Protein backbone atom coordinates (compact mmCIF):
# COMPACT_ATOMS: atom_id res chain seq x y z
CA UNK A 1 5.73 -43.57 -37.74
CA UNK A 2 2.96 -41.37 -36.32
CA UNK A 3 4.77 -38.13 -37.12
CA UNK A 4 5.55 -39.27 -40.65
CA UNK A 5 1.88 -40.08 -41.15
CA UNK A 6 0.89 -36.53 -40.05
CA UNK A 7 3.41 -35.00 -42.43
CA UNK A 8 2.13 -37.00 -45.34
CA UNK A 9 -1.48 -36.10 -44.34
CA UNK A 10 -0.69 -32.35 -44.45
CA UNK A 11 1.21 -32.64 -47.73
CA UNK A 12 -1.63 -34.48 -49.45
CA UNK A 13 -4.27 -32.04 -48.19
CA UNK A 14 -2.16 -29.11 -49.31
CA UNK A 15 -1.89 -30.64 -52.75
CA UNK A 16 -5.67 -31.15 -52.87
CA UNK A 17 -6.37 -27.55 -51.69
CA UNK A 18 -4.09 -26.15 -54.39
CA UNK A 19 -6.10 -28.01 -56.99
CA UNK A 20 -9.61 -27.11 -55.70
CA UNK A 21 -11.59 -26.07 -58.75
CA UNK A 22 -13.16 -22.60 -59.07
CA UNK A 23 -16.96 -22.25 -59.09
CA UNK A 24 -18.33 -19.51 -61.32
CA UNK A 25 -21.92 -18.20 -61.09
CA UNK A 26 -22.94 -16.11 -64.07
CA UNK A 27 -25.61 -13.45 -63.39
CA UNK A 28 -27.01 -10.32 -65.11
CA UNK A 29 -24.98 -8.20 -62.70
CA UNK A 30 -21.70 -9.99 -63.57
CA UNK A 31 -19.82 -13.15 -62.63
CA UNK A 32 -19.17 -14.36 -59.10
CA UNK A 33 -16.14 -16.70 -58.62
CA UNK A 34 -15.60 -18.86 -55.60
CA UNK A 35 -12.32 -20.70 -54.97
CA UNK A 36 -10.56 -22.30 -51.98
CA UNK A 37 -11.25 -21.64 -49.09
CA UNK A 38 -14.76 -20.47 -50.15
CA UNK A 39 -15.01 -23.85 -51.85
CA UNK A 40 -14.22 -26.46 -49.21
CA UNK A 41 -13.62 -30.16 -49.56
CA UNK A 42 -13.69 -33.41 -47.64
CA UNK A 43 -11.39 -36.35 -48.43
CA UNK A 44 -10.28 -39.83 -47.43
CA UNK A 45 -6.59 -38.99 -47.02
CA UNK A 46 -6.30 -40.90 -43.77
CA UNK A 47 -7.77 -44.00 -45.37
CA UNK A 48 -5.37 -43.69 -48.33
CA UNK A 49 -2.34 -43.37 -46.06
CA UNK A 50 -3.40 -46.29 -43.94
CA UNK A 51 -3.95 -48.58 -46.96
CA UNK A 52 -0.68 -47.46 -48.53
CA UNK A 53 1.19 -48.29 -45.36
CA UNK A 54 -0.31 -51.80 -45.46
CA UNK A 55 0.47 -52.08 -49.17
CA UNK A 56 -3.29 -52.31 -49.72
CA UNK A 57 -5.41 -50.92 -52.54
CA UNK A 58 -6.90 -47.47 -52.20
CA UNK A 59 -8.99 -44.96 -54.18
CA UNK A 60 -8.82 -41.18 -53.76
CA UNK A 61 -12.23 -39.64 -52.96
CA UNK A 62 -12.70 -35.86 -52.70
CA UNK A 63 -16.09 -34.08 -52.43
CA UNK A 64 -16.58 -30.34 -52.63
CA UNK A 65 -19.01 -27.92 -51.05
CA UNK A 66 -19.61 -24.17 -50.97
CA UNK A 67 -18.87 -22.84 -47.49
CA UNK A 68 -21.88 -20.92 -46.14
CA UNK A 69 -23.88 -21.89 -49.21
CA UNK A 70 -27.07 -20.31 -47.89
CA UNK A 71 -25.32 -16.99 -47.24
CA UNK A 72 -23.39 -16.99 -50.52
CA UNK A 73 -26.39 -17.74 -52.73
CA UNK A 74 -28.43 -15.13 -50.88
CA UNK A 75 -25.64 -12.61 -51.50
CA UNK A 76 -25.67 -13.36 -55.24
CA UNK A 77 -29.43 -13.04 -55.43
CA UNK A 78 -29.55 -9.87 -53.36
CA UNK A 79 -27.13 -8.18 -55.75
CA UNK A 80 -29.29 -9.13 -58.74
CA UNK A 81 -32.82 -8.90 -57.45
CA UNK A 82 -34.88 -5.74 -57.78
CA UNK A 83 -38.40 -5.01 -56.64
CA UNK A 84 -40.83 -3.79 -59.25
CA UNK A 85 -41.89 -0.21 -58.55
CA UNK A 86 -45.32 1.06 -59.53
CA UNK A 87 -45.67 4.45 -61.14
CA UNK A 88 -46.41 7.10 -58.60
CA UNK A 89 -48.54 10.23 -58.66
CA UNK A 90 -47.25 13.32 -56.95
CA UNK A 91 -49.94 15.89 -56.34
CA UNK A 92 -49.90 19.28 -54.64
CA UNK A 93 -51.28 22.75 -55.10
CA UNK A 94 -48.76 23.10 -57.96
CA UNK A 95 -50.42 20.27 -59.87
CA UNK A 96 -49.54 16.67 -60.89
CA UNK A 97 -46.20 15.00 -61.33
CA UNK A 98 -45.56 11.37 -62.23
CA UNK A 99 -42.73 9.00 -61.40
CA UNK A 100 -42.28 6.30 -64.06
CA UNK A 101 -42.65 2.66 -63.16
CA UNK A 102 -39.72 0.23 -62.98
CA UNK A 103 -39.65 -3.47 -63.81
CA UNK A 104 -38.03 -5.75 -61.29
CA UNK A 105 -35.98 -8.98 -61.36
CA UNK A 106 -36.84 -12.17 -59.51
CA UNK A 107 -34.06 -14.65 -58.67
CA UNK A 108 -34.84 -18.29 -58.29
CA UNK A 109 -32.94 -19.01 -55.08
CA UNK A 110 -33.94 -22.65 -54.76
CA UNK A 111 -32.83 -23.49 -58.32
CA UNK A 112 -29.52 -21.68 -57.75
CA UNK A 113 -28.87 -23.83 -54.68
CA UNK A 114 -29.65 -27.03 -56.62
CA UNK A 115 -27.50 -25.91 -59.58
CA UNK A 116 -24.52 -25.09 -57.30
CA UNK A 117 -24.79 -28.43 -55.55
CA UNK A 118 -24.91 -30.26 -58.93
CA UNK A 119 -21.91 -28.28 -60.29
CA UNK A 120 -19.81 -29.16 -57.23
CA UNK A 121 -20.53 -32.84 -57.83
CA UNK A 122 -19.68 -32.68 -61.53
CA UNK A 123 -16.30 -33.56 -63.03
CA UNK A 124 -14.12 -30.42 -62.98
CA UNK A 125 -12.52 -29.25 -66.19
CA UNK A 126 -8.93 -28.07 -66.60
CA UNK A 127 -8.33 -24.86 -68.41
CA UNK A 128 -5.45 -23.91 -70.68
CA UNK A 129 -3.74 -22.25 -67.77
CA UNK A 130 -3.86 -25.51 -65.88
CA UNK A 131 -6.45 -24.38 -63.34
CA UNK A 132 -9.56 -26.43 -62.68
CA UNK A 133 -13.14 -25.20 -62.94
CA UNK A 134 -16.55 -26.62 -62.13
CA UNK A 135 -19.25 -26.26 -64.77
CA UNK A 136 -20.47 -22.64 -64.84
CA UNK A 137 -23.76 -22.03 -63.04
CA UNK A 138 -26.16 -19.45 -64.55
CA UNK A 139 -28.53 -17.68 -62.20
CA UNK A 140 -32.12 -18.15 -63.29
CA UNK A 141 -34.04 -14.91 -63.29
CA UNK A 142 -37.34 -13.54 -64.62
CA UNK A 143 -38.80 -10.09 -65.02
CA UNK A 144 -41.29 -8.81 -62.47
CA UNK A 145 -43.65 -6.22 -63.91
CA UNK A 146 -45.22 -3.34 -61.91
CA UNK A 147 -48.92 -3.32 -61.25
CA UNK A 148 -49.36 0.23 -62.41
CA UNK A 149 -47.61 2.00 -65.31
CA UNK A 150 -47.23 5.74 -65.82
CA UNK A 151 -49.94 5.71 -68.51
CA UNK A 152 -52.30 3.93 -66.12
CA UNK A 153 -51.50 6.50 -63.39
CA UNK A 154 -52.30 9.32 -65.79
CA UNK A 155 -55.55 7.56 -66.73
CA UNK A 156 -56.68 7.59 -63.09
CA UNK A 157 -56.00 11.28 -62.73
CA UNK A 158 -58.41 12.53 -65.33
CA UNK A 159 -60.76 15.39 -64.56
CA UNK A 160 -64.04 13.74 -63.59
CA UNK A 161 -65.97 16.80 -62.44
CA UNK A 162 -65.80 20.53 -62.09
CA UNK A 163 -68.07 23.30 -60.84
CA UNK A 164 -67.83 27.10 -61.01
CA UNK A 165 -69.60 29.76 -58.99
CA UNK A 166 -69.38 33.51 -59.56
CA UNK A 167 -68.96 36.52 -57.25
CA UNK A 168 -68.40 40.23 -57.21
CA UNK A 169 -65.23 41.48 -55.45
CA UNK A 170 -66.78 44.71 -54.15
CA UNK A 171 -66.93 43.09 -50.69
CA UNK A 172 -63.20 42.72 -50.12
CA UNK A 173 -63.54 40.72 -46.93
CA UNK A 174 -65.88 38.21 -48.47
CA UNK A 175 -63.69 37.82 -51.57
CA UNK A 176 -60.63 37.24 -49.43
CA UNK A 177 -62.43 34.60 -47.34
CA UNK A 178 -63.57 32.66 -50.44
CA UNK A 179 -59.99 32.70 -51.81
CA UNK A 180 -58.51 31.62 -48.49
CA UNK A 181 -60.99 28.68 -48.10
CA UNK A 182 -60.27 27.59 -51.69
CA UNK A 183 -56.47 27.69 -51.10
CA UNK A 184 -56.85 25.37 -48.11
CA UNK A 185 -58.93 22.89 -50.11
CA UNK A 186 -56.55 23.03 -53.07
CA UNK A 187 -54.19 20.03 -53.25
CA UNK A 188 -56.33 17.78 -51.04
CA UNK A 189 -56.45 14.04 -51.75
CA UNK A 190 -59.11 11.61 -50.57
CA UNK A 191 -58.23 7.93 -50.73
CA UNK A 192 -60.75 5.15 -51.17
CA UNK A 193 -63.15 4.95 -48.16
CA UNK A 194 -61.66 8.15 -46.65
CA UNK A 195 -63.83 11.10 -45.73
CA UNK A 196 -63.44 14.77 -46.61
CA UNK A 197 -64.55 17.39 -44.03
CA UNK A 198 -64.79 21.02 -45.02
CA UNK A 199 -64.35 22.27 -41.48
CA UNK A 200 -61.29 20.09 -40.84
CA UNK A 201 -59.71 21.05 -44.15
CA UNK A 202 -60.38 24.78 -44.02
CA UNK A 203 -60.07 25.20 -40.26
CA UNK A 204 -61.73 27.65 -37.89
CA UNK A 205 -63.00 30.91 -39.37
CA UNK A 206 -61.31 33.39 -37.15
CA UNK A 207 -59.13 36.48 -37.34
CA UNK A 208 -56.17 34.50 -36.04
CA UNK A 209 -56.57 32.03 -38.95
CA UNK A 210 -56.54 34.78 -41.51
CA UNK A 211 -60.24 35.25 -42.12
CA UNK A 212 -61.83 38.67 -42.44
CA UNK A 213 -65.20 40.07 -41.41
CA UNK A 214 -68.01 39.92 -43.98
CA UNK A 215 -71.74 39.30 -44.16
CA UNK A 216 -73.06 35.86 -43.15
CA UNK A 217 -76.58 34.51 -43.13
CA UNK A 218 -78.00 33.76 -39.67
CA UNK A 219 -81.66 32.85 -39.13
CA UNK A 220 -82.53 34.25 -42.53
CA UNK A 221 -80.86 37.60 -42.01
CA UNK A 222 -77.47 39.00 -42.86
CA UNK A 223 -75.06 39.80 -40.01
CA UNK A 224 -71.34 40.54 -40.00
CA UNK A 225 -68.96 37.77 -38.86
CA UNK A 226 -65.52 36.37 -39.52
CA UNK A 227 -65.40 34.03 -42.53
CA UNK A 228 -68.39 35.43 -44.34
CA UNK A 229 -68.31 34.00 -47.89
CA UNK A 230 -66.78 30.59 -47.13
CA UNK A 231 -70.21 29.01 -47.81
CA UNK A 232 -69.63 29.80 -51.47
CA UNK A 233 -66.47 27.64 -51.32
CA UNK A 234 -68.34 24.80 -49.49
CA UNK A 235 -71.23 25.03 -52.00
CA UNK A 236 -68.85 24.85 -54.94
CA UNK A 237 -67.12 21.89 -53.29
CA UNK A 238 -70.48 20.18 -52.74
CA UNK A 239 -71.56 20.57 -56.34
CA UNK A 240 -68.23 19.28 -57.68
CA UNK A 241 -68.32 16.31 -55.27
CA UNK A 242 -71.90 15.43 -56.32
CA UNK A 243 -70.90 15.52 -60.02
CA UNK A 244 -67.97 13.17 -59.19
CA UNK A 245 -70.47 10.72 -57.60
CA UNK A 246 -68.98 11.03 -54.12
CA UNK A 247 -71.09 9.76 -51.22
CA UNK A 248 -72.43 12.89 -49.50
CA UNK A 249 -72.45 12.29 -45.75
CA UNK A 250 -73.41 15.70 -44.38
CA UNK A 251 -74.86 18.72 -46.11
CA UNK A 252 -77.30 21.42 -44.93
CA UNK A 253 -78.98 24.24 -46.89
CA UNK A 254 -78.94 27.90 -45.94
CA UNK A 255 -81.98 29.41 -44.28
CA UNK A 256 -82.44 31.76 -47.25
CA UNK A 257 -81.57 32.02 -50.91
CA UNK A 258 -77.98 32.71 -51.92
CA UNK A 259 -76.92 34.58 -55.04
CA UNK A 260 -74.36 32.11 -56.36
CA UNK A 261 -76.50 29.02 -56.85
CA UNK A 262 -80.09 27.77 -57.03
CA UNK A 263 -82.34 26.66 -54.21
CA UNK A 264 -81.42 23.07 -53.24
CA UNK A 265 -77.85 23.27 -54.53
CA UNK A 266 -76.23 25.14 -51.62
CA UNK A 267 -74.22 23.76 -48.67
CA UNK A 268 -73.83 25.98 -45.65
CA UNK A 269 -71.09 25.53 -43.05
CA UNK A 270 -70.41 26.92 -39.62
CA UNK A 271 -67.55 26.43 -37.14
CA UNK A 272 -68.20 23.39 -34.84
CA UNK A 273 -71.87 23.29 -35.75
CA UNK A 274 -72.49 22.62 -39.43
CA UNK A 275 -70.03 20.77 -41.65
CA UNK A 276 -69.99 19.56 -45.20
CA UNK A 277 -68.65 15.98 -45.59
CA UNK A 278 -68.35 13.36 -48.24
CA UNK A 279 -66.74 9.95 -48.56
CA UNK A 280 -64.84 8.55 -51.50
CA UNK A 281 -66.46 5.18 -52.21
CA UNK A 282 -64.62 4.63 -55.48
CA UNK A 283 -61.62 2.32 -55.85
CA UNK A 284 -59.28 5.16 -56.68
CA UNK A 285 -57.83 8.21 -54.89
CA UNK A 286 -59.37 11.55 -55.89
CA UNK A 287 -57.43 14.77 -56.15
CA UNK A 288 -59.04 18.21 -55.57
CA UNK A 289 -58.03 21.44 -57.27
CA UNK A 290 -59.69 24.59 -55.92
CA UNK A 291 -58.94 28.06 -57.29
CA UNK A 292 -60.22 31.57 -57.34
CA UNK A 293 -59.47 33.51 -60.50
CA UNK A 294 -60.65 36.44 -62.60
CA UNK A 295 -63.96 36.02 -64.41
CA UNK A 296 -62.93 36.45 -68.04
CA UNK A 297 -66.46 37.65 -68.92
CA UNK A 298 -66.11 40.84 -66.89
CA UNK A 299 -63.63 43.29 -65.56
CA UNK A 300 -61.38 42.70 -62.55
CA UNK A 301 -64.31 43.27 -60.10
CA UNK A 302 -65.68 39.81 -60.90
CA UNK A 303 -64.11 36.50 -60.00
CA UNK A 304 -64.97 32.77 -60.03
CA UNK A 305 -64.49 29.99 -57.57
CA UNK A 306 -63.70 26.73 -59.35
CA UNK A 307 -63.42 23.26 -57.78
CA UNK A 308 -62.31 20.36 -59.99
CA UNK A 309 -61.94 16.75 -59.00
CA UNK A 310 -59.51 14.36 -60.67
CA UNK A 311 -59.57 10.59 -60.46
CA UNK A 312 -60.43 7.42 -62.28
CA UNK A 313 -62.91 7.81 -65.14
CA UNK A 314 -66.58 7.55 -64.19
CA UNK A 315 -67.04 5.36 -67.25
CA UNK A 316 -67.42 5.87 -70.95
CA UNK A 317 -70.06 8.56 -71.60
CA UNK A 318 -71.01 8.68 -67.91
CA UNK A 319 -71.70 11.95 -66.10
CA UNK A 320 -73.62 12.99 -63.05
CA UNK A 321 -75.70 16.17 -62.57
CA UNK A 322 -77.43 17.60 -59.51
CA UNK A 323 -80.93 18.73 -60.56
CA UNK A 324 -83.63 20.41 -58.54
CA UNK A 325 -87.40 20.54 -58.65
CA UNK A 326 -89.61 22.97 -56.74
CA UNK A 327 -92.43 20.84 -55.37
CA UNK A 328 -94.24 23.49 -53.34
CA UNK A 329 -94.42 27.23 -53.04
CA UNK A 330 -94.90 28.71 -49.55
CA UNK A 331 -96.79 32.05 -49.77
CA UNK A 332 -95.24 35.03 -48.02
CA UNK A 333 -97.11 36.45 -45.01
CA UNK A 334 -99.42 39.30 -45.98
CA UNK A 335 -98.80 41.27 -42.81
CA UNK A 336 -95.45 43.06 -42.47
CA UNK A 337 -93.24 42.77 -39.37
CA UNK A 338 -92.66 46.14 -37.76
CA UNK A 339 -89.45 46.71 -35.76
CA UNK A 340 -88.54 49.69 -33.62
CA UNK A 341 -85.28 51.16 -34.78
CA UNK A 342 -83.88 52.03 -31.36
CA UNK A 343 -80.41 52.61 -32.86
CA UNK A 344 -81.89 55.01 -35.41
CA UNK A 345 -80.03 53.20 -38.17
CA UNK A 346 -82.87 53.42 -40.71
CA UNK A 347 -85.52 55.64 -39.11
CA UNK A 348 -85.43 58.15 -36.35
CA UNK A 349 -88.93 59.61 -35.86
CA UNK A 350 -92.10 57.69 -35.18
CA UNK A 351 -93.60 58.87 -38.44
CA UNK A 352 -90.66 57.49 -40.46
CA UNK A 353 -90.61 54.00 -41.92
CA UNK A 354 -87.93 52.07 -43.74
CA UNK A 355 -88.55 48.85 -45.63
CA UNK A 356 -85.62 46.70 -44.62
CA UNK A 357 -86.80 43.53 -46.45
CA UNK A 358 -89.55 42.83 -48.89
CA UNK A 359 -91.83 39.84 -48.43
CA UNK A 360 -90.75 36.77 -50.36
CA UNK A 361 -92.35 33.41 -50.95
CA UNK A 362 -90.67 30.31 -49.58
CA UNK A 363 -90.46 26.94 -51.28
CA UNK A 364 -89.86 23.21 -50.89
CA UNK A 365 -87.19 21.90 -53.21
CA UNK A 366 -86.13 18.36 -53.99
CA UNK A 367 -82.63 17.74 -55.32
CA UNK A 368 -81.76 14.70 -57.37
CA UNK A 369 -78.47 13.13 -58.47
CA UNK A 370 -79.07 12.15 -62.05
CA UNK A 371 -76.81 9.74 -63.95
CA UNK A 372 -76.47 10.10 -67.71
CA UNK A 373 -74.83 7.57 -70.06
CA UNK A 374 -74.26 8.82 -73.55
CA UNK A 375 -76.63 11.73 -72.91
CA UNK A 376 -79.55 9.52 -71.79
CA UNK A 377 -80.79 9.45 -68.21
CA UNK A 378 -80.30 6.01 -66.61
CA UNK A 379 -80.76 6.72 -62.91
CA UNK A 380 -82.31 9.40 -60.66
CA UNK A 381 -81.75 9.38 -56.90
CA UNK A 382 -83.39 11.73 -54.43
CA UNK A 383 -80.69 13.46 -52.41
CA UNK A 384 -82.43 16.05 -50.21
CA UNK A 385 -85.74 17.76 -49.62
CA UNK A 386 -85.06 21.33 -48.49
CA UNK A 387 -87.53 23.85 -47.11
CA UNK A 388 -86.82 27.56 -47.50
CA UNK A 389 -89.23 29.53 -45.26
CA UNK A 390 -91.39 32.33 -46.57
CA UNK A 391 -90.26 35.76 -45.39
CA UNK A 392 -92.47 38.56 -44.19
CA UNK A 393 -91.81 42.15 -45.04
CA UNK A 394 -89.75 43.91 -42.39
CA UNK A 395 -90.32 47.60 -41.75
CA UNK A 396 -88.26 49.64 -39.30
CA UNK A 397 -89.98 52.60 -37.62
CA UNK A 398 -88.46 55.44 -35.64
CA UNK A 399 -88.86 55.82 -31.91
CA UNK A 400 -88.53 59.59 -31.39
CA UNK A 401 -91.60 61.73 -31.10
CA UNK A 402 -91.32 64.92 -33.11
CA UNK A 403 -91.49 68.15 -31.17
CA UNK A 404 -92.49 71.48 -32.52
CA UNK A 405 -88.79 72.52 -32.52
CA UNK A 406 -87.61 69.30 -34.07
CA UNK A 407 -90.06 69.41 -36.98
């Protein structure tokens, strides 16, 4: 009797398995069908056989379940779900490029699990081909939209400031140094709360780094050194940064006037000693374009250094200007400074004199960052008070006494 019971048990279960309904999940990516053995079942076959053997009453009970339901529903969702992608800005020395945004798809995993469980409990339906099917389950989805669109990305890469300084290319070394410094600034990005350092960005001014010899100002006088001219690039960067309302962290003036900007608007730099720095305290990344090009007003011997900053708009009708006021004039010394020309560069004999530098007045200059809205001044903030020392006249005299033969 026991072996007969086992045979009947297997036969009944085989019959049930052959009639296990198919579960279909309809999704945007297509339909997913699950049948035996992915759809499993539990039954009361043993109870039926026992009751039948005793000539008792019995009722067939079969319940269905999706094997590995957690894994299967996750698989369905993973094949349909997509993350939303924000538009991206690509920026380099070649300019701007934009990657368009993409909407995403969210799948309601918990609802899918509930709907699958409900379908497996529902009364299966028999199709025309004789097969059985559970009610179709439809995956619930909703669109997920990106935070930033391409149009928004373009809106936060508008030109918000620009400054131009001019120079003559007769000094080839100086011209090359300005162009090299600009090329190393070009394509820089400064994220919110990040700092920009001129010295870090441009690097050491040395022959090994590609810089040439040219005149530099040291203690109010011109000497020859590698990197002469880079201060024009740092000054242009400073003036563009001020107009973009960047937070200026470190800036120092020259010890004397420079020919490419006014008193109070310059920013000198020097390797490992003097840097120009600012911080981006806006909520948007800024992008810096720095170029040296021909000055269209003149022939090829004149060029311009241009620094432009792109970012989120400063506001409707808002602009910033750096303005200076001379608050004091420092009179030049009345007595000249005499120097012996031991190298006989300017004068040889004791009765020869050469005026190396004329006396010039000094000054005290205040610089203000002024905010304009619709052309009207709304705010004026003192940035710096710079002192440019008065300069005495410098006269070189020779050191050789004339002899009767040498006269």
